[in-house]
mmCIF file of all heavy atoms, coordinates in Angstrom:
data_MODEL
# 
_entry.id   MODEL 
# 
loop_
_atom_site.group_PDB 
_atom_site.id 
_atom_site.type_symbol 
_atom_site.label_atom_id 
_atom_site.label_alt_id 
_atom_site.label_comp_id 
_atom_site.label_asym_id 
_atom_site.label_entity_id 
_atom_site.label_seq_id 
_atom_site.pdbx_PDB_ins_code 
_atom_site.Cartn_x 
_atom_site.Cartn_y 
_atom_site.Cartn_z 
_atom_site.occupancy 
_atom_site.B_iso_or_equiv 
_atom_site.pdbx_formal_charge 
_atom_site.auth_seq_id 
_atom_site.auth_comp_id 
_atom_site.auth_asym_id 
_atom_site.auth_atom_id 
_atom_site.pdbx_PDB_model_num 
ATOM 1   N N   . ARG A 1 1  ? 43.767 21.935 -13.591 1.00 0.00 ? 1  ARG A N   1 
ATOM 2   C CA  . ARG A 1 1  ? 44.334 22.987 -14.469 1.00 0.00 ? 1  ARG A CA  1 
ATOM 3   C C   . ARG A 1 1  ? 44.089 24.364 -13.889 1.00 0.00 ? 1  ARG A C   1 
ATOM 4   O O   . ARG A 1 1  ? 45.003 25.228 -13.810 1.00 0.00 ? 1  ARG A O   1 
ATOM 5   C CB  . ARG A 1 1  ? 43.715 22.949 -15.895 1.00 0.00 ? 1  ARG A CB  1 
ATOM 6   C CG  . ARG A 1 1  ? 44.302 22.051 -16.897 1.00 0.00 ? 1  ARG A CG  1 
ATOM 7   C CD  . ARG A 1 1  ? 43.833 22.242 -18.273 1.00 0.00 ? 1  ARG A CD  1 
ATOM 8   N NE  . ARG A 1 1  ? 42.430 21.969 -18.415 1.00 0.00 ? 1  ARG A NE  1 
ATOM 9   C CZ  . ARG A 1 1  ? 41.850 20.783 -18.535 1.00 0.00 ? 1  ARG A CZ  1 
ATOM 10  N NH1 . ARG A 1 1  ? 42.624 19.705 -18.541 1.00 0.00 ? 1  ARG A NH1 1 
ATOM 11  N NH2 . ARG A 1 1  ? 40.565 20.628 -18.666 1.00 0.00 ? 1  ARG A NH2 1 
ATOM 12  N N   . ARG A 1 2  ? 42.870 24.584 -13.318 1.00 0.00 ? 2  ARG A N   1 
ATOM 13  C CA  . ARG A 1 2  ? 42.511 25.853 -12.716 1.00 0.00 ? 2  ARG A CA  1 
ATOM 14  C C   . ARG A 1 2  ? 43.474 26.098 -11.509 1.00 0.00 ? 2  ARG A C   1 
ATOM 15  O O   . ARG A 1 2  ? 44.003 27.198 -11.360 1.00 0.00 ? 2  ARG A O   1 
ATOM 16  C CB  . ARG A 1 2  ? 41.119 25.877 -12.299 1.00 0.00 ? 2  ARG A CB  1 
ATOM 17  C CG  . ARG A 1 2  ? 40.693 27.180 -11.663 1.00 0.00 ? 2  ARG A CG  1 
ATOM 18  C CD  . ARG A 1 2  ? 39.177 27.160 -11.335 1.00 0.00 ? 2  ARG A CD  1 
ATOM 19  N NE  . ARG A 1 2  ? 38.922 26.381 -10.106 1.00 0.00 ? 2  ARG A NE  1 
ATOM 20  C CZ  . ARG A 1 2  ? 37.967 26.702 -9.282  1.00 0.00 ? 2  ARG A CZ  1 
ATOM 21  N NH1 . ARG A 1 2  ? 37.132 27.666 -9.453  1.00 0.00 ? 2  ARG A NH1 1 
ATOM 22  N NH2 . ARG A 1 2  ? 37.845 25.983 -8.254  1.00 0.00 ? 2  ARG A NH2 1 
ATOM 23  N N   . VAL A 1 3  ? 43.695 25.115 -10.707 1.00 0.00 ? 3  VAL A N   1 
ATOM 24  C CA  . VAL A 1 3  ? 44.588 25.259 -9.562  1.00 0.00 ? 3  VAL A CA  1 
ATOM 25  C C   . VAL A 1 3  ? 46.045 25.604 -10.002 1.00 0.00 ? 3  VAL A C   1 
ATOM 26  O O   . VAL A 1 3  ? 46.663 26.481 -9.474  1.00 0.00 ? 3  VAL A O   1 
ATOM 27  C CB  . VAL A 1 3  ? 44.556 23.977 -8.700  1.00 0.00 ? 3  VAL A CB  1 
ATOM 28  C CG1 . VAL A 1 3  ? 45.744 24.028 -7.594  1.00 0.00 ? 3  VAL A CG1 1 
ATOM 29  C CG2 . VAL A 1 3  ? 43.226 23.827 -8.028  1.00 0.00 ? 3  VAL A CG2 1 
ATOM 30  N N   . SER A 1 4  ? 46.551 24.814 -10.991 1.00 0.00 ? 4  SER A N   1 
ATOM 31  C CA  . SER A 1 4  ? 47.906 25.081 -11.461 1.00 0.00 ? 4  SER A CA  1 
ATOM 32  C C   . SER A 1 4  ? 48.023 26.492 -12.067 1.00 0.00 ? 4  SER A C   1 
ATOM 33  O O   . SER A 1 4  ? 49.012 27.221 -11.803 1.00 0.00 ? 4  SER A O   1 
ATOM 34  C CB  . SER A 1 4  ? 48.344 24.011 -12.527 1.00 0.00 ? 4  SER A CB  1 
ATOM 35  O OG  . SER A 1 4  ? 48.553 22.799 -11.912 1.00 0.00 ? 4  SER A OG  1 
ATOM 36  N N   . VAL A 1 5  ? 47.086 26.928 -12.860 1.00 0.00 ? 5  VAL A N   1 
ATOM 37  C CA  . VAL A 1 5  ? 47.116 28.314 -13.454 1.00 0.00 ? 5  VAL A CA  1 
ATOM 38  C C   . VAL A 1 5  ? 46.970 29.316 -12.305 1.00 0.00 ? 5  VAL A C   1 
ATOM 39  O O   . VAL A 1 5  ? 47.756 30.323 -12.274 1.00 0.00 ? 5  VAL A O   1 
ATOM 40  C CB  . VAL A 1 5  ? 46.012 28.477 -14.465 1.00 0.00 ? 5  VAL A CB  1 
ATOM 41  C CG1 . VAL A 1 5  ? 45.815 29.902 -14.823 1.00 0.00 ? 5  VAL A CG1 1 
ATOM 42  C CG2 . VAL A 1 5  ? 46.258 27.617 -15.714 1.00 0.00 ? 5  VAL A CG2 1 
ATOM 43  N N   . ALA A 1 6  ? 46.145 29.070 -11.329 1.00 0.00 ? 6  ALA A N   1 
ATOM 44  C CA  . ALA A 1 6  ? 45.986 30.056 -10.229 1.00 0.00 ? 6  ALA A CA  1 
ATOM 45  C C   . ALA A 1 6  ? 47.258 30.139 -9.451  1.00 0.00 ? 6  ALA A C   1 
ATOM 46  O O   . ALA A 1 6  ? 47.666 31.229 -9.017  1.00 0.00 ? 6  ALA A O   1 
ATOM 47  C CB  . ALA A 1 6  ? 44.838 29.561 -9.309  1.00 0.00 ? 6  ALA A CB  1 
ATOM 48  N N   . LEU A 1 7  ? 47.964 29.019 -9.231  1.00 0.00 ? 7  LEU A N   1 
ATOM 49  C CA  . LEU A 1 7  ? 49.200 29.030 -8.526  1.00 0.00 ? 7  LEU A CA  1 
ATOM 50  C C   . LEU A 1 7  ? 50.299 29.792 -9.304  1.00 0.00 ? 7  LEU A C   1 
ATOM 51  O O   . LEU A 1 7  ? 51.175 30.462 -8.736  1.00 0.00 ? 7  LEU A O   1 
ATOM 52  C CB  . LEU A 1 7  ? 49.708 27.660 -8.157  1.00 0.00 ? 7  LEU A CB  1 
ATOM 53  C CG  . LEU A 1 7  ? 48.832 26.973 -7.130  1.00 0.00 ? 7  LEU A CG  1 
ATOM 54  C CD1 . LEU A 1 7  ? 49.182 25.427 -6.986  1.00 0.00 ? 7  LEU A CD1 1 
ATOM 55  C CD2 . LEU A 1 7  ? 49.040 27.601 -5.718  1.00 0.00 ? 7  LEU A CD2 1 
ATOM 56  N N   . PHE A 1 8  ? 50.266 29.644 -10.591 1.00 0.00 ? 8  PHE A N   1 
ATOM 57  C CA  . PHE A 1 8  ? 51.240 30.420 -11.458 1.00 0.00 ? 8  PHE A CA  1 
ATOM 58  C C   . PHE A 1 8  ? 50.931 31.906 -11.329 1.00 0.00 ? 8  PHE A C   1 
ATOM 59  O O   . PHE A 1 8  ? 51.876 32.676 -11.147 1.00 0.00 ? 8  PHE A O   1 
ATOM 60  C CB  . PHE A 1 8  ? 51.073 29.918 -12.909 1.00 0.00 ? 8  PHE A CB  1 
ATOM 61  C CG  . PHE A 1 8  ? 51.914 30.798 -13.834 1.00 0.00 ? 8  PHE A CG  1 
ATOM 62  C CD1 . PHE A 1 8  ? 53.269 30.570 -14.020 1.00 0.00 ? 8  PHE A CD1 1 
ATOM 63  C CD2 . PHE A 1 8  ? 51.364 31.846 -14.575 1.00 0.00 ? 8  PHE A CD2 1 
ATOM 64  C CE1 . PHE A 1 8  ? 54.058 31.365 -14.832 1.00 0.00 ? 8  PHE A CE1 1 
ATOM 65  C CE2 . PHE A 1 8  ? 52.063 32.630 -15.446 1.00 0.00 ? 8  PHE A CE2 1 
ATOM 66  C CZ  . PHE A 1 8  ? 53.468 32.403 -15.575 1.00 0.00 ? 8  PHE A CZ  1 
ATOM 67  N N   . VAL A 1 9  ? 49.655 32.280 -11.383 1.00 0.00 ? 9  VAL A N   1 
ATOM 68  C CA  . VAL A 1 9  ? 49.343 33.649 -11.242 1.00 0.00 ? 9  VAL A CA  1 
ATOM 69  C C   . VAL A 1 9  ? 49.732 34.193 -9.868  1.00 0.00 ? 9  VAL A C   1 
ATOM 70  O O   . VAL A 1 9  ? 50.300 35.284 -9.754  1.00 0.00 ? 9  VAL A O   1 
ATOM 71  C CB  . VAL A 1 9  ? 47.787 33.890 -11.530 1.00 0.00 ? 9  VAL A CB  1 
ATOM 72  C CG1 . VAL A 1 9  ? 47.286 35.246 -11.104 1.00 0.00 ? 9  VAL A CG1 1 
ATOM 73  C CG2 . VAL A 1 9  ? 47.449 33.595 -12.971 1.00 0.00 ? 9  VAL A CG2 1 
ATOM 74  N N   . GLU A 1 10 ? 49.438 33.447 -8.841  1.00 0.00 ? 10 GLU A N   1 
ATOM 75  C CA  . GLU A 1 10 ? 49.807 33.814 -7.478  1.00 0.00 ? 10 GLU A CA  1 
ATOM 76  C C   . GLU A 1 10 ? 51.330 34.014 -7.391  1.00 0.00 ? 10 GLU A C   1 
ATOM 77  O O   . GLU A 1 10 ? 51.747 35.052 -6.844  1.00 0.00 ? 10 GLU A O   1 
ATOM 78  C CB  . GLU A 1 10 ? 49.274 32.750 -6.480  1.00 0.00 ? 10 GLU A CB  1 
ATOM 79  C CG  . GLU A 1 10 ? 49.758 32.950 -5.101  1.00 0.00 ? 10 GLU A CG  1 
ATOM 80  C CD  . GLU A 1 10 ? 51.158 32.416 -4.785  1.00 0.00 ? 10 GLU A CD  1 
ATOM 81  O OE1 . GLU A 1 10 ? 51.602 31.470 -5.447  1.00 0.00 ? 10 GLU A OE1 1 
ATOM 82  O OE2 . GLU A 1 10 ? 51.832 33.083 -3.886  1.00 0.00 ? 10 GLU A OE2 1 
ATOM 83  N N   . ALA A 1 11 ? 52.064 33.081 -7.897  1.00 0.00 ? 11 ALA A N   1 
ATOM 84  C CA  . ALA A 1 11 ? 53.522 33.239 -7.775  1.00 0.00 ? 11 ALA A CA  1 
ATOM 85  C C   . ALA A 1 11 ? 54.026 34.445 -8.539  1.00 0.00 ? 11 ALA A C   1 
ATOM 86  O O   . ALA A 1 11 ? 54.937 35.127 -8.040  1.00 0.00 ? 11 ALA A O   1 
ATOM 87  C CB  . ALA A 1 11 ? 54.181 31.943 -8.304  1.00 0.00 ? 11 ALA A CB  1 
ATOM 88  N N   . ALA A 1 12 ? 53.485 34.619 -9.720  1.00 0.00 ? 12 ALA A N   1 
ATOM 89  C CA  . ALA A 1 12 ? 53.933 35.785 -10.567 1.00 0.00 ? 12 ALA A CA  1 
ATOM 90  C C   . ALA A 1 12 ? 53.682 37.146 -9.810  1.00 0.00 ? 12 ALA A C   1 
ATOM 91  O O   . ALA A 1 12 ? 54.468 38.029 -9.825  1.00 0.00 ? 12 ALA A O   1 
ATOM 92  C CB  . ALA A 1 12 ? 53.225 35.756 -11.920 1.00 0.00 ? 12 ALA A CB  1 
ATOM 93  N N   . LEU A 1 13 ? 52.462 37.206 -9.202  1.00 0.00 ? 13 LEU A N   1 
ATOM 94  C CA  . LEU A 1 13 ? 52.062 38.446 -8.596  1.00 0.00 ? 13 LEU A CA  1 
ATOM 95  C C   . LEU A 1 13 ? 52.847 38.665 -7.254  1.00 0.00 ? 13 LEU A C   1 
ATOM 96  O O   . LEU A 1 13 ? 53.392 39.678 -6.970  1.00 0.00 ? 13 LEU A O   1 
ATOM 97  C CB  . LEU A 1 13 ? 50.604 38.474 -8.261  1.00 0.00 ? 13 LEU A CB  1 
ATOM 98  C CG  . LEU A 1 13 ? 49.668 38.652 -9.419  1.00 0.00 ? 13 LEU A CG  1 
ATOM 99  C CD1 . LEU A 1 13 ? 48.236 38.422 -9.019  1.00 0.00 ? 13 LEU A CD1 1 
ATOM 100 C CD2 . LEU A 1 13 ? 49.812 40.056 -10.034 1.00 0.00 ? 13 LEU A CD2 1 
ATOM 101 N N   . VAL A 1 14 ? 52.858 37.620 -6.436  1.00 0.00 ? 14 VAL A N   1 
ATOM 102 C CA  . VAL A 1 14 ? 53.499 37.772 -5.094  1.00 0.00 ? 14 VAL A CA  1 
ATOM 103 C C   . VAL A 1 14 ? 55.026 37.883 -5.217  1.00 0.00 ? 14 VAL A C   1 
ATOM 104 O O   . VAL A 1 14 ? 55.616 38.740 -4.574  1.00 0.00 ? 14 VAL A O   1 
ATOM 105 C CB  . VAL A 1 14 ? 53.104 36.558 -4.176  1.00 0.00 ? 14 VAL A CB  1 
ATOM 106 C CG1 . VAL A 1 14 ? 53.891 36.565 -2.873  1.00 0.00 ? 14 VAL A CG1 1 
ATOM 107 C CG2 . VAL A 1 14 ? 51.623 36.572 -3.904  1.00 0.00 ? 14 VAL A CG2 1 
ATOM 108 N N   . ASN A 1 15 ? 55.611 36.978 -6.011  1.00 0.00 ? 15 ASN A N   1 
ATOM 109 C CA  . ASN A 1 15 ? 57.084 37.036 -6.085  1.00 0.00 ? 15 ASN A CA  1 
ATOM 110 C C   . ASN A 1 15 ? 57.602 38.120 -6.996  1.00 0.00 ? 15 ASN A C   1 
ATOM 111 O O   . ASN A 1 15 ? 58.838 38.340 -7.071  1.00 0.00 ? 15 ASN A O   1 
ATOM 112 C CB  . ASN A 1 15 ? 57.650 35.683 -6.522  1.00 0.00 ? 15 ASN A CB  1 
ATOM 113 C CG  . ASN A 1 15 ? 57.393 34.663 -5.454  1.00 0.00 ? 15 ASN A CG  1 
ATOM 114 O OD1 . ASN A 1 15 ? 57.614 34.882 -4.280  1.00 0.00 ? 15 ASN A OD1 1 
ATOM 115 N ND2 . ASN A 1 15 ? 56.855 33.479 -5.849  1.00 0.00 ? 15 ASN A ND2 1 
ATOM 116 N N   . GLY A 1 16 ? 56.686 38.770 -7.705  1.00 0.00 ? 16 GLY A N   1 
ATOM 117 C CA  . GLY A 1 16 ? 57.073 39.810 -8.633  1.00 0.00 ? 16 GLY A CA  1 
ATOM 118 C C   . GLY A 1 16 ? 56.795 41.226 -8.024  1.00 0.00 ? 16 GLY A C   1 
ATOM 119 O O   . GLY A 1 16 ? 57.458 41.654 -7.133  1.00 0.00 ? 16 GLY A O   1 
ATOM 120 N N   . PRO A 1 17 ? 55.761 41.843 -8.571  1.00 0.00 ? 17 PRO A N   1 
ATOM 121 C CA  . PRO A 1 17 ? 55.455 43.237 -8.097  1.00 0.00 ? 17 PRO A CA  1 
ATOM 122 C C   . PRO A 1 17 ? 55.128 43.410 -6.670  1.00 0.00 ? 17 PRO A C   1 
ATOM 123 O O   . PRO A 1 17 ? 55.501 44.416 -6.070  1.00 0.00 ? 17 PRO A O   1 
ATOM 124 C CB  . PRO A 1 17 ? 54.282 43.646 -8.992  1.00 0.00 ? 17 PRO A CB  1 
ATOM 125 C CG  . PRO A 1 17 ? 53.696 42.393 -9.493  1.00 0.00 ? 17 PRO A CG  1 
ATOM 126 C CD  . PRO A 1 17 ? 54.788 41.354 -9.570  1.00 0.00 ? 17 PRO A CD  1 
ATOM 127 N N   . ILE A 1 18 ? 54.446 42.445 -6.027  1.00 0.00 ? 18 ILE A N   1 
ATOM 128 C CA  . ILE A 1 18 ? 54.098 42.721 -4.611  1.00 0.00 ? 18 ILE A CA  1 
ATOM 129 C C   . ILE A 1 18 ? 55.341 42.730 -3.766  1.00 0.00 ? 18 ILE A C   1 
ATOM 130 O O   . ILE A 1 18 ? 55.549 43.640 -2.943  1.00 0.00 ? 18 ILE A O   1 
ATOM 131 C CB  . ILE A 1 18 ? 53.004 41.624 -4.138  1.00 0.00 ? 18 ILE A CB  1 
ATOM 132 C CG1 . ILE A 1 18 ? 51.753 41.848 -4.922  1.00 0.00 ? 18 ILE A CG1 1 
ATOM 133 C CG2 . ILE A 1 18 ? 52.775 41.794 -2.670  1.00 0.00 ? 18 ILE A CG2 1 
ATOM 134 C CD1 . ILE A 1 18 ? 50.674 40.784 -4.647  1.00 0.00 ? 18 ILE A CD1 1 
ATOM 135 N N   . LYS A 1 19 ? 56.153 41.676 -3.850  1.00 0.00 ? 19 LYS A N   1 
ATOM 136 C CA  . LYS A 1 19 ? 57.358 41.629 -2.969  1.00 0.00 ? 19 LYS A CA  1 
ATOM 137 C C   . LYS A 1 19 ? 58.306 42.747 -3.331  1.00 0.00 ? 19 LYS A C   1 
ATOM 138 O O   . LYS A 1 19 ? 58.893 43.321 -2.500  1.00 0.00 ? 19 LYS A O   1 
ATOM 139 C CB  . LYS A 1 19 ? 58.073 40.300 -3.117  1.00 0.00 ? 19 LYS A CB  1 
ATOM 140 C CG  . LYS A 1 19 ? 57.378 39.182 -2.330  1.00 0.00 ? 19 LYS A CG  1 
ATOM 141 C CD  . LYS A 1 19 ? 58.231 37.935 -2.325  1.00 0.00 ? 19 LYS A CD  1 
ATOM 142 C CE  . LYS A 1 19 ? 57.476 36.839 -1.617  1.00 0.00 ? 19 LYS A CE  1 
ATOM 143 N NZ  . LYS A 1 19 ? 58.221 36.197 -0.563  1.00 0.00 ? 19 LYS A NZ  1 
ATOM 144 N N   . ALA A 1 20 ? 58.412 43.092 -4.651  1.00 0.00 ? 20 ALA A N   1 
ATOM 145 C CA  . ALA A 1 20 ? 59.278 44.259 -5.030  1.00 0.00 ? 20 ALA A CA  1 
ATOM 146 C C   . ALA A 1 20 ? 58.799 45.548 -4.444  1.00 0.00 ? 20 ALA A C   1 
ATOM 147 O O   . ALA A 1 20 ? 59.618 46.400 -4.100  1.00 0.00 ? 20 ALA A O   1 
ATOM 148 C CB  . ALA A 1 20 ? 59.310 44.273 -6.575  1.00 0.00 ? 20 ALA A CB  1 
ATOM 149 N N   . THR A 1 21 ? 57.520 45.728 -4.307  1.00 0.00 ? 21 THR A N   1 
ATOM 150 C CA  . THR A 1 21 ? 56.975 46.985 -3.753  1.00 0.00 ? 21 THR A CA  1 
ATOM 151 C C   . THR A 1 21 ? 57.363 47.152 -2.357  1.00 0.00 ? 21 THR A C   1 
ATOM 152 O O   . THR A 1 21 ? 57.733 48.250 -1.833  1.00 0.00 ? 21 THR A O   1 
ATOM 153 C CB  . THR A 1 21 ? 55.432 46.967 -3.864  1.00 0.00 ? 21 THR A CB  1 
ATOM 154 O OG1 . THR A 1 21 ? 55.081 46.905 -5.238  1.00 0.00 ? 21 THR A OG1 1 
ATOM 155 C CG2 . THR A 1 21 ? 54.819 48.230 -3.198  1.00 0.00 ? 21 THR A CG2 1 
ATOM 156 N N   . PHE A 1 22 ? 57.379 46.032 -1.522  1.00 0.00 ? 22 PHE A N   1 
ATOM 157 C CA  . PHE A 1 22 ? 57.622 46.179 -0.084  1.00 0.00 ? 22 PHE A CA  1 
ATOM 158 C C   . PHE A 1 22 ? 59.079 45.921 0.283   1.00 0.00 ? 22 PHE A C   1 
ATOM 159 O O   . PHE A 1 22 ? 59.617 46.537 1.177   1.00 0.00 ? 22 PHE A O   1 
ATOM 160 C CB  . PHE A 1 22 ? 56.695 45.205 0.699   1.00 0.00 ? 22 PHE A CB  1 
ATOM 161 C CG  . PHE A 1 22 ? 55.264 45.641 0.578   1.00 0.00 ? 22 PHE A CG  1 
ATOM 162 C CD1 . PHE A 1 22 ? 54.454 45.003 -0.313  1.00 0.00 ? 22 PHE A CD1 1 
ATOM 163 C CD2 . PHE A 1 22 ? 54.799 46.655 1.350   1.00 0.00 ? 22 PHE A CD2 1 
ATOM 164 C CE1 . PHE A 1 22 ? 53.120 45.377 -0.423  1.00 0.00 ? 22 PHE A CE1 1 
ATOM 165 C CE2 . PHE A 1 22 ? 53.506 47.090 1.244   1.00 0.00 ? 22 PHE A CE2 1 
ATOM 166 C CZ  . PHE A 1 22 ? 52.673 46.459 0.318   1.00 0.00 ? 22 PHE A CZ  1 
ATOM 167 N N   . ASN A 1 23 ? 59.761 45.030 -0.444  1.00 0.00 ? 23 ASN A N   1 
ATOM 168 C CA  . ASN A 1 23 ? 61.198 44.794 -0.243  1.00 0.00 ? 23 ASN A CA  1 
ATOM 169 C C   . ASN A 1 23 ? 61.591 44.662 1.241   1.00 0.00 ? 23 ASN A C   1 
ATOM 170 O O   . ASN A 1 23 ? 62.566 45.330 1.634   1.00 0.00 ? 23 ASN A O   1 
ATOM 171 C CB  . ASN A 1 23 ? 62.063 45.855 -1.036  1.00 0.00 ? 23 ASN A CB  1 
ATOM 172 C CG  . ASN A 1 23 ? 63.447 45.360 -1.175  1.00 0.00 ? 23 ASN A CG  1 
ATOM 173 O OD1 . ASN A 1 23 ? 63.716 44.160 -1.268  1.00 0.00 ? 23 ASN A OD1 1 
ATOM 174 N ND2 . ASN A 1 23 ? 64.356 46.302 -1.314  1.00 0.00 ? 23 ASN A ND2 1 
ATOM 175 N N   . ARG A 1 24 ? 60.872 43.879 2.018   1.00 0.00 ? 24 ARG A N   1 
ATOM 176 C CA  . ARG A 1 24 ? 61.179 43.714 3.406   1.00 0.00 ? 24 ARG A CA  1 
ATOM 177 C C   . ARG A 1 24 ? 62.279 42.646 3.613   1.00 0.00 ? 24 ARG A C   1 
ATOM 178 O O   . ARG A 1 24 ? 62.264 41.595 2.944   1.00 0.00 ? 24 ARG A O   1 
ATOM 179 C CB  . ARG A 1 24 ? 59.857 43.288 4.134   1.00 0.00 ? 24 ARG A CB  1 
ATOM 180 C CG  . ARG A 1 24 ? 60.112 43.101 5.658   1.00 0.00 ? 24 ARG A CG  1 
ATOM 181 C CD  . ARG A 1 24 ? 58.855 42.678 6.362   1.00 0.00 ? 24 ARG A CD  1 
ATOM 182 N NE  . ARG A 1 24 ? 58.865 42.879 7.782   1.00 0.00 ? 24 ARG A NE  1 
ATOM 183 C CZ  . ARG A 1 24 ? 57.990 42.429 8.608   1.00 0.00 ? 24 ARG A CZ  1 
ATOM 184 N NH1 . ARG A 1 24 ? 56.947 41.739 8.169   1.00 0.00 ? 24 ARG A NH1 1 
ATOM 185 N NH2 . ARG A 1 24 ? 58.139 42.596 9.893   1.00 0.00 ? 24 ARG A NH2 1 
ATOM 186 N N   . SER A 1 25 ? 63.155 42.949 4.550   1.00 0.00 ? 25 SER A N   1 
ATOM 187 C CA  . SER A 1 25 ? 64.225 41.911 4.819   1.00 0.00 ? 25 SER A CA  1 
ATOM 188 C C   . SER A 1 25 ? 63.631 40.765 5.534   1.00 0.00 ? 25 SER A C   1 
ATOM 189 O O   . SER A 1 25 ? 62.720 40.883 6.289   1.00 0.00 ? 25 SER A O   1 
ATOM 190 C CB  . SER A 1 25 ? 65.409 42.558 5.555   1.00 0.00 ? 25 SER A CB  1 
ATOM 191 O OG  . SER A 1 25 ? 64.957 43.072 6.785   1.00 0.00 ? 25 SER A OG  1 
# 
């Protein structure tokens, strides 16, 4: 459960605000 929740958090952060901030091609 901890791994699955952590992966959800990671995906939300990385694919959301972090990638949007850098927007590298």
